[in-house]
Amino acid sequence: MTEPNDPTSPPGAADPATSPELVSPDDARADAPSDAPSSTLQLAGGHALEVRRGPGNDTLQLLQPDGQASISIHVTPQGITLSVQGAALTLHATGALAIDAETLALRGRSGVAIESGGDAHIDLEGDLHARARQQHLTATLGNVNIKANDDVKLDGERIKLNS
C-alpha cells in the first residue's frame, strides 16, 4: 500500500485528511498471532483491514472492532483459502449460484433446511445413503413412485400396508 503523502503515490491519491488512517506495522494489533510484518487500514465503525506478509504466505483480514477476524484470505503457493466467521452469513445471487469442489460437506449444528419453489433433483453416480432416527416421505399431491432396476427390498420388524 502506498501512503497518501508518498511522492510515489499515483496522481489523484486520496487526501490524508479524508482517507482512512494507515497504521504502521508497529502500531498494528498488539495481539497479532504472527511476527510477520503487517499494515492495518482503519475503516468505518472501528473495523480494520489488516495485511500481513510472511515467508511463503500472505494474509488479509477484515477485523471487527473487538479485533476478531470476520473475513480472512490466506494466500499460499498452494492456493487461496477464504474463511468467513460471524453470527450469520447470507449469499444472495440474482442469477445462478454454483459450488464446485472435490468434496462438499454441509453441516447444521441444530438443523438443515433445503427448500425450492420448483423441482429438486439429486443425481449420483454412486450410492445414496440416508440415515435418521425416523424417516418420513410425503407426497402432498400425487403418487410416491419407487422404481428399481433390480429387487425392491423392505426389511422391518413389521411391514404395514394401508394401516
N, C-alpha and C. Protein backbone atom coordinates (compact mmCIF):
# COMPACT_ATOMS: atom_id res chain seq x y z
N MET A 1 0.84 -1.17 0.00
CA MET A 1 0.00 0.00 0.00
C MET A 1 0.88 1.23 0.00
N THR A 2 0.45 2.24 -0.73
CA THR A 2 1.22 3.48 -0.74
C THR A 2 0.55 4.47 0.19
N GLU A 3 1.36 5.28 0.82
CA GLU A 3 0.84 6.29 1.73
C GLU A 3 0.40 7.49 0.91
N PRO A 4 -0.67 8.22 1.32
CA PRO A 4 -1.16 9.35 0.56
C PRO A 4 -0.12 10.45 0.37
N ASN A 5 0.79 10.68 1.33
CA ASN A 5 1.81 11.72 1.20
C ASN A 5 3.06 11.22 0.51
N ASP A 6 3.10 9.97 0.12
CA ASP A 6 4.25 9.37 -0.54
C ASP A 6 4.40 9.96 -1.93
N PRO A 7 5.59 10.51 -2.28
CA PRO A 7 5.76 11.09 -3.61
C PRO A 7 5.58 10.07 -4.73
N THR A 8 5.64 8.77 -4.41
CA THR A 8 5.43 7.75 -5.45
C THR A 8 3.96 7.40 -5.61
N SER A 9 3.08 8.05 -4.80
CA SER A 9 1.65 7.79 -4.93
C SER A 9 1.18 8.25 -6.30
N PRO A 10 0.23 7.54 -6.87
CA PRO A 10 -0.27 7.94 -8.18
C PRO A 10 -0.99 9.27 -8.10
N PRO A 11 -1.05 10.01 -9.22
CA PRO A 11 -1.77 11.29 -9.21
C PRO A 11 -3.21 11.05 -8.78
N GLY A 12 -3.75 11.99 -8.00
CA GLY A 12 -5.13 11.88 -7.54
C GLY A 12 -5.29 10.96 -6.35
N ALA A 13 -4.17 10.60 -5.68
CA ALA A 13 -4.27 9.74 -4.50
C ALA A 13 -5.11 10.43 -3.44
N ALA A 14 -5.68 9.65 -2.56
CA ALA A 14 -6.59 10.18 -1.55
C ALA A 14 -5.92 11.23 -0.68
N ASP A 15 -6.70 12.22 -0.27
CA ASP A 15 -6.23 13.26 0.63
C ASP A 15 -6.11 12.67 2.03
N PRO A 16 -4.96 12.86 2.72
CA PRO A 16 -4.79 12.28 4.04
C PRO A 16 -5.85 12.74 5.03
N ALA A 17 -6.40 13.91 4.85
CA ALA A 17 -7.40 14.41 5.79
C ALA A 17 -8.73 13.66 5.67
N THR A 18 -9.01 13.10 4.48
CA THR A 18 -10.30 12.43 4.28
C THR A 18 -10.18 10.93 4.11
N SER A 19 -8.97 10.40 3.97
CA SER A 19 -8.82 8.96 3.75
C SER A 19 -8.66 8.24 5.08
N PRO A 20 -8.98 6.91 5.11
CA PRO A 20 -8.78 6.15 6.35
C PRO A 20 -7.32 6.17 6.76
N GLU A 21 -7.10 6.08 8.05
CA GLU A 21 -5.75 6.14 8.59
C GLU A 21 -5.01 4.84 8.31
N LEU A 22 -3.79 4.95 7.79
CA LEU A 22 -2.93 3.79 7.57
C LEU A 22 -2.01 3.68 8.77
N VAL A 23 -2.06 2.57 9.46
CA VAL A 23 -1.30 2.37 10.68
C VAL A 23 -0.02 1.62 10.35
N SER A 24 1.08 2.04 10.93
CA SER A 24 2.35 1.37 10.69
C SER A 24 2.33 -0.02 11.29
N PRO A 25 3.22 -0.91 10.83
CA PRO A 25 3.28 -2.25 11.40
C PRO A 25 3.49 -2.25 12.91
N ASP A 26 4.22 -1.25 13.42
CA ASP A 26 4.47 -1.19 14.86
C ASP A 26 3.19 -0.90 15.64
N ASP A 27 2.25 -0.16 15.01
CA ASP A 27 1.01 0.20 15.69
C ASP A 27 -0.12 -0.79 15.40
N ALA A 28 0.16 -1.81 14.60
CA ALA A 28 -0.87 -2.79 14.25
C ALA A 28 -1.29 -3.55 15.50
N ARG A 29 -2.30 -4.36 15.36
CA ARG A 29 -2.86 -5.10 16.50
C ARG A 29 -1.76 -5.71 17.36
N ALA A 30 -1.80 -5.40 18.64
CA ALA A 30 -0.78 -5.91 19.56
C ALA A 30 -0.90 -7.41 19.75
N ASP A 31 -2.11 -7.96 19.55
CA ASP A 31 -2.30 -9.39 19.77
C ASP A 31 -2.17 -10.19 18.48
N ALA A 32 -1.57 -9.63 17.46
CA ALA A 32 -1.41 -10.35 16.19
C ALA A 32 -0.64 -11.64 16.43
N PRO A 33 -1.16 -12.78 15.94
CA PRO A 33 -0.54 -14.07 16.23
C PRO A 33 0.75 -14.33 15.48
N SER A 34 1.10 -13.48 14.54
CA SER A 34 2.28 -13.74 13.73
C SER A 34 3.30 -12.63 13.90
N ASP A 35 4.57 -12.98 13.73
CA ASP A 35 5.63 -11.97 13.76
C ASP A 35 5.82 -11.34 12.39
N ALA A 36 5.01 -11.74 11.42
CA ALA A 36 5.15 -11.22 10.06
C ALA A 36 4.80 -9.74 10.05
N PRO A 37 5.49 -8.95 9.20
CA PRO A 37 5.18 -7.53 9.12
C PRO A 37 3.74 -7.35 8.62
N SER A 38 3.05 -6.33 9.17
CA SER A 38 1.67 -6.11 8.77
C SER A 38 1.40 -4.62 8.62
N SER A 39 0.36 -4.33 7.86
CA SER A 39 -0.16 -2.98 7.72
C SER A 39 -1.63 -3.03 8.01
N THR A 40 -2.15 -2.03 8.69
CA THR A 40 -3.56 -2.00 9.04
C THR A 40 -4.17 -0.71 8.55
N LEU A 41 -5.31 -0.85 7.86
CA LEU A 41 -6.05 0.29 7.36
C LEU A 41 -7.32 0.40 8.21
N GLN A 42 -7.46 1.51 8.93
CA GLN A 42 -8.64 1.71 9.77
C GLN A 42 -9.84 2.03 8.89
N LEU A 43 -10.98 1.38 9.18
CA LEU A 43 -12.20 1.55 8.40
C LEU A 43 -13.31 2.12 9.27
N ALA A 44 -14.43 2.40 8.67
CA ALA A 44 -15.58 2.96 9.38
C ALA A 44 -16.05 2.02 10.49
N GLY A 45 -16.60 2.59 11.54
CA GLY A 45 -17.19 1.81 12.62
C GLY A 45 -16.20 1.04 13.46
N GLY A 46 -14.93 1.40 13.41
CA GLY A 46 -13.92 0.71 14.21
C GLY A 46 -13.40 -0.57 13.57
N HIS A 47 -13.87 -0.90 12.37
CA HIS A 47 -13.36 -2.07 11.66
C HIS A 47 -11.99 -1.74 11.08
N ALA A 48 -11.25 -2.76 10.68
CA ALA A 48 -9.92 -2.55 10.12
C ALA A 48 -9.63 -3.63 9.09
N LEU A 49 -8.79 -3.30 8.14
CA LEU A 49 -8.28 -4.25 7.16
C LEU A 49 -6.80 -4.43 7.44
N GLU A 50 -6.40 -5.65 7.75
CA GLU A 50 -5.01 -5.93 8.07
C GLU A 50 -4.41 -6.80 6.97
N VAL A 51 -3.23 -6.41 6.52
CA VAL A 51 -2.48 -7.19 5.54
C VAL A 51 -1.19 -7.62 6.21
N ARG A 52 -0.97 -8.93 6.28
CA ARG A 52 0.23 -9.47 6.91
C ARG A 52 1.00 -10.27 5.87
N ARG A 53 2.26 -9.92 5.67
CA ARG A 53 3.12 -10.62 4.71
C ARG A 53 4.05 -11.54 5.48
N GLY A 54 4.17 -12.75 5.01
CA GLY A 54 5.04 -13.71 5.67
C GLY A 54 5.82 -14.51 4.66
N PRO A 55 6.80 -15.27 5.10
CA PRO A 55 7.56 -16.09 4.17
C PRO A 55 6.68 -17.22 3.64
N GLY A 56 6.37 -17.16 2.36
CA GLY A 56 5.58 -18.22 1.75
C GLY A 56 4.09 -18.07 1.87
N ASN A 57 3.60 -17.06 2.61
CA ASN A 57 2.15 -16.85 2.68
C ASN A 57 1.84 -15.42 3.07
N ASP A 58 0.70 -14.96 2.63
CA ASP A 58 0.21 -13.63 2.98
C ASP A 58 -1.22 -13.79 3.49
N THR A 59 -1.63 -12.87 4.37
CA THR A 59 -2.97 -12.93 4.94
C THR A 59 -3.60 -11.55 4.90
N LEU A 60 -4.84 -11.49 4.44
CA LEU A 60 -5.66 -10.29 4.51
C LEU A 60 -6.80 -10.61 5.46
N GLN A 61 -7.06 -9.73 6.42
CA GLN A 61 -8.14 -9.96 7.37
C GLN A 61 -8.98 -8.71 7.53
N LEU A 62 -10.29 -8.89 7.50
CA LEU A 62 -11.22 -7.83 7.85
C LEU A 62 -11.55 -8.05 9.32
N LEU A 63 -11.17 -7.08 10.15
CA LEU A 63 -11.29 -7.22 11.60
C LEU A 63 -12.49 -6.45 12.13
N GLN A 64 -13.19 -7.03 13.08
CA GLN A 64 -14.28 -6.36 13.77
C GLN A 64 -13.68 -5.39 14.79
N PRO A 65 -14.48 -4.49 15.33
CA PRO A 65 -13.94 -3.54 16.31
C PRO A 65 -13.28 -4.21 17.52
N ASP A 66 -13.71 -5.44 17.88
CA ASP A 66 -13.10 -6.14 19.01
C ASP A 66 -11.82 -6.87 18.62
N GLY A 67 -11.39 -6.76 17.36
CA GLY A 67 -10.15 -7.39 16.91
C GLY A 67 -10.33 -8.78 16.33
N GLN A 68 -11.54 -9.34 16.40
CA GLN A 68 -11.79 -10.67 15.84
C GLN A 68 -11.89 -10.57 14.32
N ALA A 69 -11.31 -11.56 13.64
CA ALA A 69 -11.35 -11.59 12.18
C ALA A 69 -12.70 -12.11 11.72
N SER A 70 -13.39 -11.36 10.86
CA SER A 70 -14.65 -11.84 10.30
C SER A 70 -14.43 -12.44 8.91
N ILE A 71 -13.47 -11.93 8.17
CA ILE A 71 -13.10 -12.49 6.87
C ILE A 71 -11.59 -12.59 6.81
N SER A 72 -11.08 -13.76 6.46
CA SER A 72 -9.64 -13.96 6.30
C SER A 72 -9.38 -14.57 4.93
N ILE A 73 -8.40 -14.03 4.25
CA ILE A 73 -7.96 -14.58 2.97
C ILE A 73 -6.48 -14.93 3.14
N HIS A 74 -6.17 -16.22 3.02
CA HIS A 74 -4.80 -16.69 3.14
C HIS A 74 -4.29 -17.04 1.74
N VAL A 75 -3.17 -16.45 1.37
CA VAL A 75 -2.59 -16.68 0.05
C VAL A 75 -1.29 -17.45 0.24
N THR A 76 -1.24 -18.66 -0.31
CA THR A 76 -0.06 -19.51 -0.21
C THR A 76 0.29 -20.02 -1.60
N PRO A 77 1.48 -20.61 -1.76
CA PRO A 77 1.81 -21.19 -3.07
C PRO A 77 0.82 -22.29 -3.49
N GLN A 78 0.15 -22.93 -2.53
CA GLN A 78 -0.82 -23.98 -2.85
C GLN A 78 -2.16 -23.42 -3.30
N GLY A 79 -2.42 -22.14 -3.04
CA GLY A 79 -3.68 -21.53 -3.45
C GLY A 79 -4.20 -20.56 -2.41
N ILE A 80 -5.44 -20.15 -2.62
CA ILE A 80 -6.08 -19.17 -1.76
C ILE A 80 -7.14 -19.86 -0.91
N THR A 81 -7.17 -19.51 0.38
CA THR A 81 -8.18 -20.03 1.30
C THR A 81 -8.97 -18.85 1.83
N LEU A 82 -10.30 -18.96 1.78
CA LEU A 82 -11.19 -17.93 2.29
C LEU A 82 -11.91 -18.46 3.52
N SER A 83 -11.90 -17.69 4.60
CA SER A 83 -12.58 -18.08 5.83
C SER A 83 -13.49 -16.92 6.25
N VAL A 84 -14.76 -17.23 6.49
CA VAL A 84 -15.73 -16.22 6.92
C VAL A 84 -16.31 -16.66 8.25
N GLN A 85 -16.29 -15.78 9.24
CA GLN A 85 -16.84 -16.08 10.56
C GLN A 85 -17.77 -14.96 10.96
N GLY A 86 -18.88 -15.31 11.57
CA GLY A 86 -19.80 -14.30 12.04
C GLY A 86 -21.06 -14.94 12.56
N ALA A 87 -21.96 -14.12 13.07
CA ALA A 87 -23.21 -14.63 13.61
C ALA A 87 -24.11 -15.19 12.52
N ALA A 88 -24.07 -14.61 11.33
CA ALA A 88 -24.90 -15.07 10.21
C ALA A 88 -24.18 -14.76 8.90
N LEU A 89 -24.47 -15.55 7.89
CA LEU A 89 -23.90 -15.33 6.56
C LEU A 89 -25.00 -15.57 5.55
N THR A 90 -25.20 -14.64 4.65
CA THR A 90 -26.20 -14.76 3.60
C THR A 90 -25.52 -14.56 2.27
N LEU A 91 -25.72 -15.50 1.34
CA LEU A 91 -25.27 -15.35 -0.03
C LEU A 91 -26.51 -15.08 -0.86
N HIS A 92 -26.50 -14.04 -1.66
CA HIS A 92 -27.65 -13.71 -2.50
C HIS A 92 -27.17 -13.52 -3.92
N ALA A 93 -27.78 -14.24 -4.83
CA ALA A 93 -27.45 -14.10 -6.25
C ALA A 93 -28.74 -13.89 -7.02
N THR A 94 -28.76 -12.91 -7.92
CA THR A 94 -29.95 -12.71 -8.74
C THR A 94 -30.01 -13.75 -9.85
N GLY A 95 -28.89 -14.37 -10.15
CA GLY A 95 -28.83 -15.46 -11.12
C GLY A 95 -28.46 -16.75 -10.43
N ALA A 96 -27.77 -17.61 -11.14
CA ALA A 96 -27.40 -18.93 -10.61
C ALA A 96 -26.26 -18.81 -9.60
N LEU A 97 -26.23 -19.72 -8.64
CA LEU A 97 -25.14 -19.86 -7.68
C LEU A 97 -24.65 -21.29 -7.79
N ALA A 98 -23.38 -21.49 -8.08
CA ALA A 98 -22.82 -22.83 -8.23
C ALA A 98 -21.65 -22.99 -7.27
N ILE A 99 -21.56 -24.15 -6.66
CA ILE A 99 -20.43 -24.50 -5.81
C ILE A 99 -19.83 -25.76 -6.40
N ASP A 100 -18.55 -25.74 -6.71
CA ASP A 100 -17.88 -26.88 -7.31
C ASP A 100 -16.64 -27.17 -6.49
N ALA A 101 -16.53 -28.40 -6.01
CA ALA A 101 -15.39 -28.77 -5.16
C ALA A 101 -15.12 -30.26 -5.32
N GLU A 102 -13.93 -30.68 -4.91
CA GLU A 102 -13.61 -32.11 -4.90
C GLU A 102 -14.60 -32.86 -4.01
N THR A 103 -14.83 -32.37 -2.81
CA THR A 103 -15.88 -32.89 -1.92
C THR A 103 -16.61 -31.69 -1.33
N LEU A 104 -17.83 -31.90 -0.91
CA LEU A 104 -18.63 -30.82 -0.32
C LEU A 104 -19.30 -31.37 0.93
N ALA A 105 -19.13 -30.69 2.03
CA ALA A 105 -19.75 -31.09 3.29
C ALA A 105 -20.54 -29.90 3.82
N LEU A 106 -21.81 -30.12 4.12
CA LEU A 106 -22.66 -29.12 4.75
C LEU A 106 -23.06 -29.66 6.11
N ARG A 107 -23.02 -28.82 7.13
CA ARG A 107 -23.39 -29.27 8.47
C ARG A 107 -24.11 -28.14 9.18
N GLY A 108 -25.27 -28.44 9.69
CA GLY A 108 -26.00 -27.51 10.54
C GLY A 108 -25.98 -28.06 11.95
N ARG A 109 -25.45 -27.30 12.91
CA ARG A 109 -25.34 -27.82 14.28
C ARG A 109 -26.70 -28.12 14.90
N SER A 110 -27.75 -27.40 14.52
CA SER A 110 -29.06 -27.69 15.09
C SER A 110 -30.12 -27.99 14.04
N GLY A 111 -29.78 -27.97 12.77
CA GLY A 111 -30.75 -28.32 11.73
C GLY A 111 -30.27 -27.91 10.36
N VAL A 112 -30.88 -28.49 9.34
CA VAL A 112 -30.60 -28.16 7.94
C VAL A 112 -31.94 -28.11 7.22
N ALA A 113 -32.18 -27.09 6.42
CA ALA A 113 -33.39 -27.00 5.62
C ALA A 113 -32.99 -26.70 4.18
N ILE A 114 -33.53 -27.47 3.25
CA ILE A 114 -33.33 -27.23 1.82
C ILE A 114 -34.72 -27.00 1.25
N GLU A 115 -34.92 -25.89 0.58
CA GLU A 115 -36.24 -25.51 0.11
C GLU A 115 -36.15 -25.05 -1.33
N SER A 116 -37.17 -25.36 -2.12
CA SER A 116 -37.20 -24.93 -3.51
C SER A 116 -38.62 -24.55 -3.89
N GLY A 117 -38.77 -23.51 -4.69
CA GLY A 117 -40.07 -23.15 -5.23
C GLY A 117 -40.42 -24.01 -6.44
N GLY A 118 -39.49 -24.84 -6.88
CA GLY A 118 -39.70 -25.73 -8.03
C GLY A 118 -39.27 -27.14 -7.69
N ASP A 119 -38.86 -27.87 -8.70
CA ASP A 119 -38.41 -29.25 -8.51
C ASP A 119 -37.02 -29.30 -7.89
N ALA A 120 -36.69 -30.45 -7.32
CA ALA A 120 -35.34 -30.71 -6.80
C ALA A 120 -34.88 -32.05 -7.37
N HIS A 121 -33.61 -32.12 -7.71
CA HIS A 121 -33.04 -33.34 -8.29
C HIS A 121 -31.74 -33.67 -7.56
N ILE A 122 -31.55 -34.94 -7.28
CA ILE A 122 -30.28 -35.44 -6.75
C ILE A 122 -29.83 -36.52 -7.72
N ASP A 123 -28.75 -36.28 -8.43
CA ASP A 123 -28.22 -37.25 -9.39
C ASP A 123 -26.84 -37.69 -8.93
N LEU A 124 -26.67 -38.99 -8.72
CA LEU A 124 -25.42 -39.53 -8.21
C LEU A 124 -24.94 -40.66 -9.11
N GLU A 125 -23.64 -40.78 -9.26
CA GLU A 125 -23.06 -41.93 -9.94
C GLU A 125 -22.92 -43.10 -8.97
N GLY A 126 -22.80 -42.80 -7.69
CA GLY A 126 -22.63 -43.83 -6.66
C GLY A 126 -23.93 -44.07 -5.91
N ASP A 127 -23.82 -44.61 -4.71
CA ASP A 127 -24.97 -44.96 -3.88
C ASP A 127 -25.47 -43.74 -3.10
N LEU A 128 -26.74 -43.77 -2.72
CA LEU A 128 -27.33 -42.76 -1.86
C LEU A 128 -27.70 -43.43 -0.54
N HIS A 129 -27.19 -42.91 0.55
CA HIS A 129 -27.46 -43.45 1.88
C HIS A 129 -28.15 -42.35 2.68
N ALA A 130 -29.28 -42.67 3.29
CA ALA A 130 -29.99 -41.74 4.17
C ALA A 130 -30.19 -42.45 5.50
N ARG A 131 -29.80 -41.79 6.59
CA ARG A 131 -29.92 -42.39 7.91
C ARG A 131 -30.49 -41.34 8.85
N ALA A 132 -31.49 -41.73 9.61
CA ALA A 132 -32.10 -40.82 10.58
C ALA A 132 -32.81 -41.65 11.64
N ARG A 133 -33.17 -41.01 12.74
CA ARG A 133 -33.92 -41.68 13.79
C ARG A 133 -35.23 -42.19 13.20
N GLN A 134 -35.96 -41.36 12.48
CA GLN A 134 -37.15 -41.74 11.73
C GLN A 134 -37.08 -41.05 10.38
N GLN A 135 -37.72 -41.63 9.37
CA GLN A 135 -37.78 -41.00 8.06
C GLN A 135 -39.23 -40.91 7.62
N HIS A 136 -39.59 -39.77 7.08
CA HIS A 136 -40.95 -39.53 6.63
C HIS A 136 -40.88 -39.09 5.17
N LEU A 137 -41.66 -39.72 4.32
CA LEU A 137 -41.73 -39.37 2.91
C LEU A 137 -43.19 -39.09 2.60
N THR A 138 -43.52 -37.88 2.17
CA THR A 138 -44.89 -37.48 1.94
C THR A 138 -45.02 -36.86 0.55
N ALA A 139 -46.00 -37.32 -0.21
CA ALA A 139 -46.37 -36.67 -1.47
C ALA A 139 -47.63 -35.86 -1.18
N THR A 140 -47.59 -34.54 -1.33
CA THR A 140 -48.75 -33.71 -1.00
C THR A 140 -49.82 -33.77 -2.08
N LEU A 141 -49.47 -34.17 -3.28
CA LEU A 141 -50.42 -34.32 -4.38
C LEU A 141 -49.85 -35.35 -5.34
N GLY A 142 -50.47 -36.48 -5.45
CA GLY A 142 -50.00 -37.49 -6.40
C GLY A 142 -49.35 -38.66 -5.71
N ASN A 143 -48.65 -39.45 -6.50
CA ASN A 143 -48.08 -40.73 -6.08
C ASN A 143 -46.71 -40.58 -5.43
N VAL A 144 -46.31 -41.62 -4.73
CA VAL A 144 -44.92 -41.85 -4.36
C VAL A 144 -44.48 -43.01 -5.25
N ASN A 145 -43.56 -42.76 -6.14
CA ASN A 145 -43.13 -43.76 -7.11
C ASN A 145 -41.76 -44.28 -6.73
N ILE A 146 -41.63 -45.60 -6.67
CA ILE A 146 -40.35 -46.25 -6.40
C ILE A 146 -40.07 -47.16 -7.58
N LYS A 147 -38.92 -47.00 -8.19
CA LYS A 147 -38.55 -47.82 -9.34
C LYS A 147 -37.14 -48.35 -9.11
N ALA A 148 -36.96 -49.63 -9.34
CA ALA A 148 -35.64 -50.23 -9.17
C ALA A 148 -35.32 -51.05 -10.41
N ASN A 149 -34.06 -51.08 -10.79
CA ASN A 149 -33.61 -51.91 -11.90
C ASN A 149 -33.57 -53.37 -11.47
N ASP A 150 -33.54 -53.61 -10.18
CA ASP A 150 -33.46 -54.97 -9.63
C ASP A 150 -34.53 -55.09 -8.56
N ASP A 151 -34.29 -55.86 -7.53
CA ASP A 151 -35.28 -56.12 -6.48
C ASP A 151 -35.56 -54.86 -5.66
N VAL A 152 -36.76 -54.80 -5.10
CA VAL A 152 -37.11 -53.82 -4.08
C VAL A 152 -37.21 -54.60 -2.77
N LYS A 153 -36.39 -54.23 -1.81
CA LYS A 153 -36.33 -54.96 -0.54
C LYS A 153 -36.87 -54.07 0.56
N LEU A 154 -37.76 -54.62 1.36
CA LEU A 154 -38.26 -53.94 2.56
C LEU A 154 -37.90 -54.82 3.74
N ASP A 155 -37.21 -54.28 4.71
CA ASP A 155 -36.80 -55.06 5.87
C ASP A 155 -37.22 -54.27 7.11
N GLY A 156 -38.10 -54.81 7.87
CA GLY A 156 -38.56 -54.13 9.07
C GLY A 156 -39.14 -55.13 10.05
N GLU A 157 -39.32 -54.68 11.27
CA GLU A 157 -39.92 -55.54 12.28
C GLU A 157 -41.32 -55.96 11.82
N ARG A 158 -42.10 -54.99 11.33
CA ARG A 158 -43.40 -55.26 10.73
C ARG A 158 -43.50 -54.37 9.49
N ILE A 159 -44.08 -54.87 8.42
CA ILE A 159 -44.34 -54.08 7.22
C ILE A 159 -45.85 -53.85 7.20
N LYS A 160 -46.26 -52.60 7.38
CA LYS A 160 -47.68 -52.27 7.45
C LYS A 160 -48.08 -51.58 6.15
N LEU A 161 -49.05 -52.15 5.46
CA LEU A 161 -49.58 -51.55 4.24
C LEU A 161 -50.99 -51.05 4.51
N ASN A 162 -51.27 -49.82 4.08
CA ASN A 162 -52.60 -49.22 4.27
C ASN A 162 -53.05 -49.26 5.72
N SER A 163 -52.17 -48.97 6.65
CA SER A 163 -52.58 -49.02 8.06
C SER A 163 -52.62 -47.64 8.67
